[in-house]
Amino acid sequence: MGLAALVQKAPPGAQLTVRSHHHSEDKHDWEAFGHYICDSTGALNLSEDPSLGGTYEGVEPMGLLWSLRPVPGSKPGLRMRKTSVVTPMEVTVSVYPGHLSEGFSEQRALAAVVVERWYMAPGVRRIPVTEHSLTATLFLPPGPGPFPAILDLWGGGGRLLEYRAALLASHGFAALALDYLTNELTKTTGKMVENDYFEAAYTFLEQHPEIDGSRIAMWGLSFGTAITFKMAVYSKIMKLKCIVIYSGSHIQPVDGGLKEIMGHIVKNQHKCRINEKQELIWHDIFLPIPTDPAFKVDMGRLQCPLLVVVGLDDQNWPAYESAMDIKEMMEEAGNSHLLTLLTYPNTGHLIEPPYTPPTRAGLFKTVLRNETCMLLWGGETVPHARAQEDAWRKTLVYLREYL
């Protein structure tokens, strides 16, 4: 896959800058650019020719997407996320004479084209769900079904995030994006949902006429992994075919649910560190790995296949340490054949779908106190972008195999 940008009829050997610009839904401006030299015919092809400088280097057909960054002067800590999946992400790709790194607005582009990135493939259906007091959106692939399904959980920032579920449906999986922290039930009662909320989401999928109830998986990122582990091992109702864990941990009070997990985090907040840039590092909050079985999910009891994806520079959760402990627990219990582990060097916490611009540190609003802080997620742009591409591809292969 790549941006098939082609420049023709330029002077042979001309120096050109190709720039992408995106005005995000939250009204911020992002840009990426590469420096190129035309060939002897005055042509330039992003899929074949290397960028010699800019926000990315080398032959990078998607460099104009994954290396997008806030334009100079933007407020710090921005993170690019698609909030409405029914409209495409629009990116303007422009060509400028010379090798520019700034002042694009003062220059006149030689040519420009608008490129669309869709999260919903044609024929994917988006269905808001309120049954069983759920705050969720179901995405169904095109065609008759019955489809395998994925219960999709994001992290501790809350909100109903749909872009990963929309992409999964575009690849043939029914996917239910579930808001479990800022959902309507919690907003109206002021209380966090119990474990039966997740069981209700599972039951909704299991009983849906277009879903194969015997092929349901769960995918958790960050805080969402705590719930995924808990339900996969302890729920009497959920019979998951496999689970996918991104940047997560099995460390939590085994008894209880969301409220107790949140309480455990708050209790350990004194282990937070702050770096010289005043960015919060939550990595040590669950460390050292507890030996008390009351404070970690008994992974020896897991009965379904498990994919664990870890960024080795995750500064937010002890994902690697947790993965090593999970591996050890499963080896001791004799169920380690169920574990697939993917580790990525120089990769941070927020392992997103491919071509999402990596965010090393970002503004984060805590659900409990409604405070905004700057969190260090970790990762370096190029390896993190590569990891997102590789992990996504391998996760889809994994889901096809087990679902």
Protein backbone atom coordinates (compact mmCIF):
# COMPACT_ATOMS: atom_id res chain seq x y z
CA MET A 1 0.00 0.00 0.00
CA GLY A 2 1.26 3.49 -0.71
CA LEU A 3 0.38 6.99 -1.80
CA ALA A 4 0.75 6.61 -5.54
CA ALA A 5 2.00 10.19 -5.96
CA LEU A 6 3.53 10.80 -9.33
CA VAL A 7 5.19 13.98 -10.53
CA GLN A 8 5.82 14.43 -14.25
CA LYS A 9 7.06 17.11 -16.66
CA ALA A 10 9.41 18.71 -14.12
CA PRO A 11 12.91 19.78 -15.27
CA PRO A 12 15.27 16.75 -15.27
CA GLY A 13 17.20 16.57 -11.98
CA ALA A 14 14.97 19.22 -10.36
CA GLN A 15 14.90 19.42 -6.57
CA LEU A 16 11.33 19.17 -5.28
CA THR A 17 9.59 18.99 -1.91
CA VAL A 18 6.45 16.86 -1.63
CA ARG A 19 4.37 17.88 1.39
CA SER A 20 1.23 16.49 2.98
CA HIS A 21 -1.09 18.66 5.07
CA HIS A 22 -4.04 17.55 7.21
CA HIS A 23 -6.49 19.73 9.12
CA SER A 24 -7.76 17.39 11.83
CA GLU A 25 -11.29 17.16 13.20
CA ASP A 26 -10.14 18.86 16.41
CA LYS A 27 -8.97 21.83 14.27
CA HIS A 28 -5.21 21.26 14.40
CA ASP A 29 -2.85 21.32 11.44
CA TRP A 30 -0.43 18.50 10.69
CA GLU A 31 2.27 18.23 8.04
CA ALA A 32 4.91 15.88 6.65
CA PHE A 33 7.33 16.38 3.77
CA GLY A 34 10.09 14.69 1.81
CA HIS A 35 12.92 16.10 -0.31
CA TYR A 36 13.26 14.52 -3.76
CA ILE A 37 15.29 14.84 -6.95
CA CYS A 38 13.58 14.16 -10.30
CA ASP A 39 15.04 11.60 -12.68
CA SER A 40 16.44 12.34 -16.16
CA THR A 41 12.93 12.43 -17.62
CA GLY A 42 11.70 14.97 -15.03
CA ALA A 43 9.57 12.36 -13.25
CA LEU A 44 9.27 11.43 -9.59
CA ASN A 45 7.46 8.42 -8.08
CA LEU A 46 6.92 8.22 -4.32
CA SER A 47 6.66 4.43 -4.51
CA GLU A 48 10.16 4.08 -5.97
CA ASP A 49 12.23 7.22 -5.34
CA PRO A 50 13.92 7.98 -2.01
CA SER A 51 13.35 11.07 0.10
CA LEU A 52 16.75 12.65 0.88
CA GLY A 53 15.45 14.59 3.90
CA GLY A 54 12.38 16.03 5.56
CA THR A 55 10.17 14.26 8.11
CA TYR A 56 11.17 10.88 6.64
CA GLU A 57 13.99 9.50 4.49
CA GLY A 58 14.36 6.69 1.96
CA VAL A 59 11.71 5.02 -0.19
CA GLU A 60 8.58 5.47 1.93
CA PRO A 61 5.33 5.33 -0.07
CA MET A 62 3.36 6.08 3.14
CA GLY A 63 5.87 8.49 4.69
CA LEU A 64 3.56 11.43 4.04
CA LEU A 65 1.04 9.80 6.42
CA TRP A 66 2.99 8.15 9.24
CA SER A 67 5.46 11.02 9.67
CA LEU A 68 2.74 13.67 9.95
CA ARG A 69 3.46 15.99 12.87
CA PRO A 70 1.82 19.13 14.25
CA VAL A 71 2.88 22.22 12.28
CA PRO A 72 5.41 24.48 14.06
CA GLY A 73 3.76 26.58 16.77
CA SER A 74 1.03 24.01 17.55
CA LYS A 75 0.14 23.32 21.16
CA PRO A 76 2.26 20.47 22.63
CA GLY A 77 1.03 16.93 23.26
CA LEU A 78 -1.35 16.56 20.31
CA ARG A 79 -2.44 13.09 19.20
CA MET A 80 -4.10 12.43 15.87
CA ARG A 81 -7.24 10.31 16.12
CA LYS A 82 -10.17 9.91 13.74
CA THR A 83 -13.36 10.73 15.61
CA SER A 84 -15.88 10.24 12.79
CA VAL A 85 -15.34 7.13 10.70
CA VAL A 86 -18.18 7.94 8.28
CA THR A 87 -16.02 10.63 6.65
CA PRO A 88 -12.51 10.10 5.25
CA MET A 89 -9.31 11.63 6.56
CA GLU A 90 -8.43 14.24 3.93
CA VAL A 91 -4.78 14.96 3.19
CA THR A 92 -3.61 17.59 0.71
CA VAL A 93 -0.42 16.52 -1.09
CA SER A 94 1.46 19.45 -2.69
CA VAL A 95 4.67 19.77 -4.69
CA TYR A 96 7.05 22.74 -4.19
CA PRO A 97 10.22 23.78 -6.01
CA GLY A 98 13.46 23.32 -4.05
CA HIS A 99 14.04 21.53 -0.77
CA LEU A 100 11.87 23.32 1.79
CA SER A 101 11.49 22.58 5.48
CA GLU A 102 9.35 25.54 6.53
CA GLY A 103 7.33 28.50 5.28
CA PHE A 104 5.05 26.37 3.09
CA SER A 105 2.14 28.79 3.45
CA GLU A 106 4.20 31.61 1.88
CA GLN A 107 5.15 29.45 -1.13
CA ARG A 108 3.05 28.70 -4.17
CA ALA A 109 2.69 24.97 -4.84
CA LEU A 110 3.45 23.71 -8.36
CA ALA A 111 0.61 21.18 -8.05
CA ALA A 112 -1.71 19.80 -5.35
CA VAL A 113 -4.16 16.94 -4.95
CA VAL A 114 -6.47 15.85 -2.10
CA VAL A 115 -6.05 12.24 -0.97
CA GLU A 116 -8.71 10.43 1.11
CA ARG A 117 -8.03 7.78 3.73
CA TRP A 118 -11.16 5.83 4.61
CA TYR A 119 -11.57 3.73 7.76
CA MET A 120 -14.77 2.11 6.51
CA ALA A 121 -14.57 0.06 3.32
CA PRO A 122 -17.53 0.31 0.93
CA GLY A 123 -20.43 -1.78 2.24
CA VAL A 124 -19.35 -1.78 5.90
CA ARG A 125 -22.36 -1.06 8.14
CA ARG A 126 -22.14 1.15 11.23
CA ILE A 127 -24.84 0.42 13.82
CA PRO A 128 -25.11 2.36 17.13
CA VAL A 129 -25.94 -0.03 19.99
CA THR A 130 -27.86 0.82 23.18
CA GLU A 131 -29.29 -2.62 24.07
CA HIS A 132 -28.43 -3.96 27.57
CA SER A 133 -27.57 -0.32 28.51
CA LEU A 134 -24.45 -0.55 26.35
CA THR A 135 -22.72 2.46 24.83
CA ALA A 136 -21.27 0.86 21.74
CA THR A 137 -21.07 0.80 17.96
CA LEU A 138 -21.25 -2.38 15.90
CA PHE A 139 -19.48 -2.56 12.55
CA LEU A 140 -20.54 -5.33 10.19
CA PRO A 141 -18.57 -6.28 7.07
CA PRO A 142 -20.26 -6.28 3.67
CA GLY A 143 -22.02 -9.49 2.71
CA PRO A 144 -24.38 -11.96 4.39
CA GLY A 145 -22.32 -13.40 7.29
CA PRO A 146 -22.40 -14.97 9.82
CA PHE A 147 -19.15 -13.21 10.70
CA PRO A 148 -16.56 -13.85 13.40
CA ALA A 149 -16.63 -10.97 15.89
CA ILE A 150 -14.26 -8.90 18.01
CA LEU A 151 -15.10 -7.00 21.18
CA ASP A 152 -12.84 -3.93 20.91
CA LEU A 153 -11.64 -2.14 24.07
CA TRP A 154 -9.52 1.01 24.13
CA GLY A 155 -7.70 2.39 27.16
CA GLY A 156 -8.11 4.60 30.20
CA GLY A 157 -9.03 7.79 28.34
CA GLY A 158 -12.60 6.59 27.82
CA ARG A 159 -14.82 7.75 24.91
CA LEU A 160 -16.37 5.64 22.20
CA LEU A 161 -13.52 5.16 19.74
CA GLU A 162 -14.56 3.54 16.48
CA TYR A 163 -11.67 3.69 14.03
CA ARG A 164 -10.05 0.34 14.89
CA ALA A 165 -13.41 -1.47 14.85
CA ALA A 166 -14.26 0.14 11.49
CA LEU A 167 -10.95 -1.08 10.06
CA LEU A 168 -11.51 -4.59 11.43
CA ALA A 169 -14.93 -4.71 9.74
CA SER A 170 -13.24 -3.58 6.53
CA HIS A 171 -11.12 -6.74 6.85
CA GLY A 172 -14.09 -9.09 7.30
CA PHE A 173 -14.60 -9.16 11.10
CA ALA A 174 -17.68 -7.89 12.87
CA ALA A 175 -16.37 -5.52 15.57
CA LEU A 176 -18.06 -3.92 18.57
CA ALA A 177 -16.39 -0.73 19.80
CA LEU A 178 -17.36 -0.44 23.47
CA ASP A 179 -17.22 2.61 25.75
CA TYR A 180 -16.87 1.30 29.30
CA LEU A 181 -15.52 4.33 31.20
CA THR A 182 -17.50 7.32 29.86
CA ASN A 183 -20.61 5.34 28.85
CA GLU A 184 -24.20 6.49 29.38
CA LEU A 185 -24.74 4.17 32.36
CA THR A 186 -21.77 5.66 34.20
CA LYS A 187 -22.75 9.21 33.22
CA THR A 188 -26.30 8.80 34.56
CA THR A 189 -25.55 6.80 37.73
CA GLY A 190 -22.07 8.13 38.51
CA LYS A 191 -20.97 4.53 39.10
CA MET A 192 -18.43 2.50 37.14
CA VAL A 193 -19.80 -0.48 35.23
CA GLU A 194 -19.45 -3.97 36.67
CA ASN A 195 -18.08 -7.07 34.92
CA ASP A 196 -21.58 -7.96 33.71
CA TYR A 197 -21.43 -4.94 31.38
CA PHE A 198 -18.73 -6.71 29.36
CA GLU A 199 -20.65 -9.98 29.53
CA ALA A 200 -23.69 -8.14 28.16
CA ALA A 201 -21.57 -6.88 25.24
CA TYR A 202 -20.39 -10.44 24.60
CA THR A 203 -23.96 -11.79 24.79
CA PHE A 204 -25.13 -9.10 22.37
CA LEU A 205 -22.51 -10.31 19.85
CA GLU A 206 -23.19 -13.99 20.55
CA GLN A 207 -26.92 -13.61 19.87
CA HIS A 208 -26.67 -11.31 16.86
CA PRO A 209 -28.19 -12.97 13.77
CA GLU A 210 -25.26 -11.96 11.54
CA ILE A 211 -22.53 -13.12 13.93
CA ASP A 212 -21.18 -16.62 14.52
CA GLY A 213 -21.53 -16.83 18.32
CA SER A 214 -18.86 -19.54 18.56
CA ARG A 215 -16.18 -17.25 17.04
CA ILE A 216 -15.80 -14.21 19.29
CA ALA A 217 -12.48 -12.62 20.29
CA MET A 218 -11.58 -9.72 22.54
CA TRP A 219 -8.98 -7.03 21.79
CA GLY A 220 -7.70 -4.75 24.54
CA LEU A 221 -5.19 -1.89 24.48
CA SER A 222 -3.60 -0.44 27.64
CA PHE A 223 -6.25 -0.26 30.40
CA GLY A 224 -8.57 -2.32 28.17
CA THR A 225 -6.17 -5.26 28.56
CA ALA A 226 -6.91 -5.50 32.29
CA ILE A 227 -10.58 -6.19 31.51
CA THR A 228 -9.69 -8.51 28.63
CA PHE A 229 -7.46 -10.68 30.85
CA LYS A 230 -10.02 -10.73 33.66
CA MET A 231 -12.96 -11.74 31.46
CA ALA A 232 -10.97 -14.30 29.45
CA VAL A 233 -9.84 -16.15 32.58
CA TYR A 234 -12.65 -15.67 35.10
CA SER A 235 -15.94 -15.03 33.26
CA LYS A 236 -18.37 -17.95 33.32
CA ILE A 237 -20.35 -16.43 30.45
CA MET A 238 -17.67 -15.40 27.96
CA LYS A 239 -16.22 -18.27 25.94
CA LEU A 240 -13.63 -16.39 23.90
CA LYS A 241 -12.04 -18.01 20.86
CA CYS A 242 -8.84 -15.93 21.32
CA ILE A 243 -7.68 -12.64 22.84
CA VAL A 244 -5.39 -9.86 21.60
CA ILE A 245 -3.43 -7.74 24.09
CA TYR A 246 -1.62 -4.54 23.05
CA SER A 247 0.61 -2.70 25.57
CA GLY A 248 -1.03 -4.20 28.62
CA SER A 249 -0.71 -6.06 31.88
CA HIS A 250 -2.33 -8.86 33.87
CA ILE A 251 -1.52 -7.06 37.15
CA GLN A 252 -4.71 -6.08 39.00
CA PRO A 253 -6.78 -7.07 42.02
CA VAL A 254 -8.29 -10.38 40.90
CA ASP A 255 -11.48 -9.80 42.88
CA GLY A 256 -13.77 -7.03 41.71
CA GLY A 257 -13.89 -5.10 38.46
CA LEU A 258 -13.18 -1.69 36.96
CA LYS A 259 -13.54 0.22 40.22
CA GLU A 260 -11.03 -2.02 42.00
CA ILE A 261 -8.54 -1.88 39.09
CA MET A 262 -8.79 1.93 39.05
CA GLY A 263 -8.38 1.99 42.82
CA HIS A 264 -5.24 -0.13 42.52
CA ILE A 265 -3.77 2.38 40.03
CA VAL A 266 -4.62 5.34 42.28
CA LYS A 267 -3.09 3.56 45.30
CA ASN A 268 0.18 3.11 43.41
CA GLN A 269 0.35 6.61 41.95
CA HIS A 270 3.28 7.50 44.18
CA LYS A 271 5.43 5.30 41.90
CA CYS A 272 4.95 7.77 39.00
CA ARG A 273 8.09 9.54 37.83
CA ILE A 274 8.45 12.92 36.10
CA ASN A 275 11.20 13.56 33.54
CA GLU A 276 13.04 16.81 32.81
CA LYS A 277 10.34 17.80 30.29
CA GLN A 278 7.71 17.48 33.06
CA GLU A 279 6.19 14.42 31.37
CA LEU A 280 4.60 11.80 33.64
CA ILE A 281 5.98 8.26 33.43
CA TRP A 282 3.51 5.67 34.73
CA HIS A 283 5.66 2.67 33.78
CA ASP A 284 6.56 1.63 37.35
CA ILE A 285 3.06 1.92 38.79
CA PHE A 286 2.55 -1.90 38.91
CA LEU A 287 6.17 -2.79 39.59
CA PRO A 288 7.70 -4.84 41.01
CA ILE A 289 5.56 -7.65 39.54
CA PRO A 290 3.53 -8.94 42.51
CA THR A 291 4.08 -12.46 43.82
CA ASP A 292 0.73 -12.40 45.64
CA PRO A 293 -1.77 -14.29 43.42
CA ALA A 294 -4.52 -11.92 44.60
CA PHE A 295 -2.93 -9.16 42.50
CA LYS A 296 -2.49 -10.77 39.10
CA VAL A 297 -4.71 -12.75 36.77
CA ASP A 298 -3.94 -16.48 36.96
CA MET A 299 -2.64 -16.92 33.40
CA GLY A 300 -2.21 -20.66 33.98
CA ARG A 301 -6.01 -20.91 33.79
CA LEU A 302 -6.28 -19.30 30.36
CA GLN A 303 -7.81 -21.72 27.86
CA CYS A 304 -7.85 -19.73 24.61
CA PRO A 305 -5.00 -18.52 22.35
CA LEU A 306 -3.40 -15.23 23.41
CA LEU A 307 -1.51 -12.71 21.27
CA VAL A 308 0.58 -10.20 23.25
CA VAL A 309 2.06 -7.15 21.47
CA VAL A 310 4.68 -5.16 23.37
CA GLY A 311 6.65 -1.99 22.63
CA LEU A 312 10.02 -2.30 24.36
CA ASP A 313 10.11 1.47 24.99
CA ASP A 314 6.62 1.55 26.57
CA GLN A 315 6.94 4.26 29.24
CA ASN A 316 3.32 4.03 30.33
CA TRP A 317 2.69 0.41 31.37
CA PRO A 318 5.13 -2.37 32.36
CA ALA A 319 4.08 -4.27 29.23
CA TYR A 320 7.36 -6.11 28.71
CA GLU A 321 7.79 -7.11 32.38
CA SER A 322 4.16 -8.28 32.43
CA ALA A 323 4.64 -10.29 29.22
CA MET A 324 7.68 -12.05 30.71
CA ASP A 325 5.71 -12.91 33.85
CA ILE A 326 2.75 -14.15 31.77
CA LYS A 327 5.13 -16.34 29.76
CA GLU A 328 6.62 -17.78 32.96
CA MET A 329 3.19 -18.41 34.53
CA MET A 330 1.95 -20.14 31.38
CA GLU A 331 5.11 -22.25 31.06
CA GLU A 332 4.71 -23.42 34.68
CA ALA A 333 1.04 -24.28 34.09
CA GLY A 334 1.70 -26.05 30.79
CA ASN A 335 -0.44 -23.77 28.61
CA SER A 336 2.36 -21.67 27.04
CA HIS A 337 1.52 -23.21 23.63
CA LEU A 338 -1.42 -20.77 23.65
CA LEU A 339 0.89 -17.71 23.80
CA THR A 340 2.16 -15.71 20.82
CA LEU A 341 4.43 -12.80 21.79
CA LEU A 342 5.48 -9.94 19.50
CA THR A 343 8.05 -7.45 20.83
CA TYR A 344 9.16 -4.28 19.06
CA PRO A 345 12.31 -2.26 19.95
CA ASN A 346 12.12 1.56 20.22
CA THR A 347 8.33 1.28 20.19
CA GLY A 348 6.14 3.03 22.74
CA HIS A 349 2.78 2.44 24.39
CA LEU A 350 0.30 3.65 21.78
CA ILE A 351 0.52 0.95 19.12
CA GLU A 352 -2.18 2.15 16.73
CA PRO A 353 -3.42 0.94 13.33
CA PRO A 354 -0.81 1.43 10.58
CA TYR A 355 0.16 4.88 9.25
CA THR A 356 -1.20 6.62 12.36
CA PRO A 357 1.43 9.24 13.29
CA PRO A 358 3.22 8.02 16.45
CA THR A 359 2.81 10.16 19.60
CA ARG A 360 5.82 10.04 21.94
CA ALA A 361 4.20 12.17 24.65
CA GLY A 362 0.67 13.45 24.76
CA LEU A 363 -2.03 15.22 26.71
CA PHE A 364 -4.19 12.78 28.64
CA LYS A 365 -7.39 13.47 30.55
CA THR A 366 -7.85 11.19 33.56
CA VAL A 367 -11.34 9.73 33.88
CA LEU A 368 -11.41 9.72 37.69
CA ARG A 369 -10.30 13.29 38.41
CA ASN A 370 -10.95 14.89 35.04
CA GLU A 371 -7.43 16.35 35.11
CA THR A 372 -5.27 16.82 32.04
CA CYS A 373 -1.61 15.83 32.26
CA MET A 374 1.26 15.23 29.83
CA LEU A 375 2.07 11.50 29.66
CA LEU A 376 5.22 9.99 28.21
CA TRP A 377 4.18 7.09 25.96
CA GLY A 378 7.63 6.33 24.56
CA GLY A 379 8.82 5.17 21.16
CA GLU A 380 10.74 6.70 18.26
CA THR A 381 8.90 7.74 15.11
CA VAL A 382 10.38 5.39 12.49
CA PRO A 383 10.60 2.13 14.50
CA HIS A 384 7.21 2.83 16.10
CA ALA A 385 5.59 3.42 12.69
CA ARG A 386 7.18 0.18 11.39
CA ALA A 387 5.92 -1.71 14.46
CA GLN A 388 2.36 -0.46 13.91
CA GLU A 389 2.42 -1.76 10.34
CA ASP A 390 3.95 -5.13 11.25
CA ALA A 391 1.78 -5.73 14.33
CA TRP A 392 -1.42 -4.90 12.46
CA ARG A 393 -0.59 -7.27 9.61
CA LYS A 394 0.35 -10.10 11.99
CA THR A 395 -2.72 -9.50 14.17
CA LEU A 396 -5.04 -9.82 11.17
CA VAL A 397 -3.29 -13.09 10.20
CA TYR A 398 -3.66 -14.30 13.81
CA LEU A 399 -7.36 -13.41 13.96
CA ARG A 400 -8.03 -15.16 10.65
CA GLU A 401 -6.28 -18.25 11.96
CA TYR A 402 -8.13 -18.48 15.28
CA LEU A 403 -11.50 -17.00 14.32
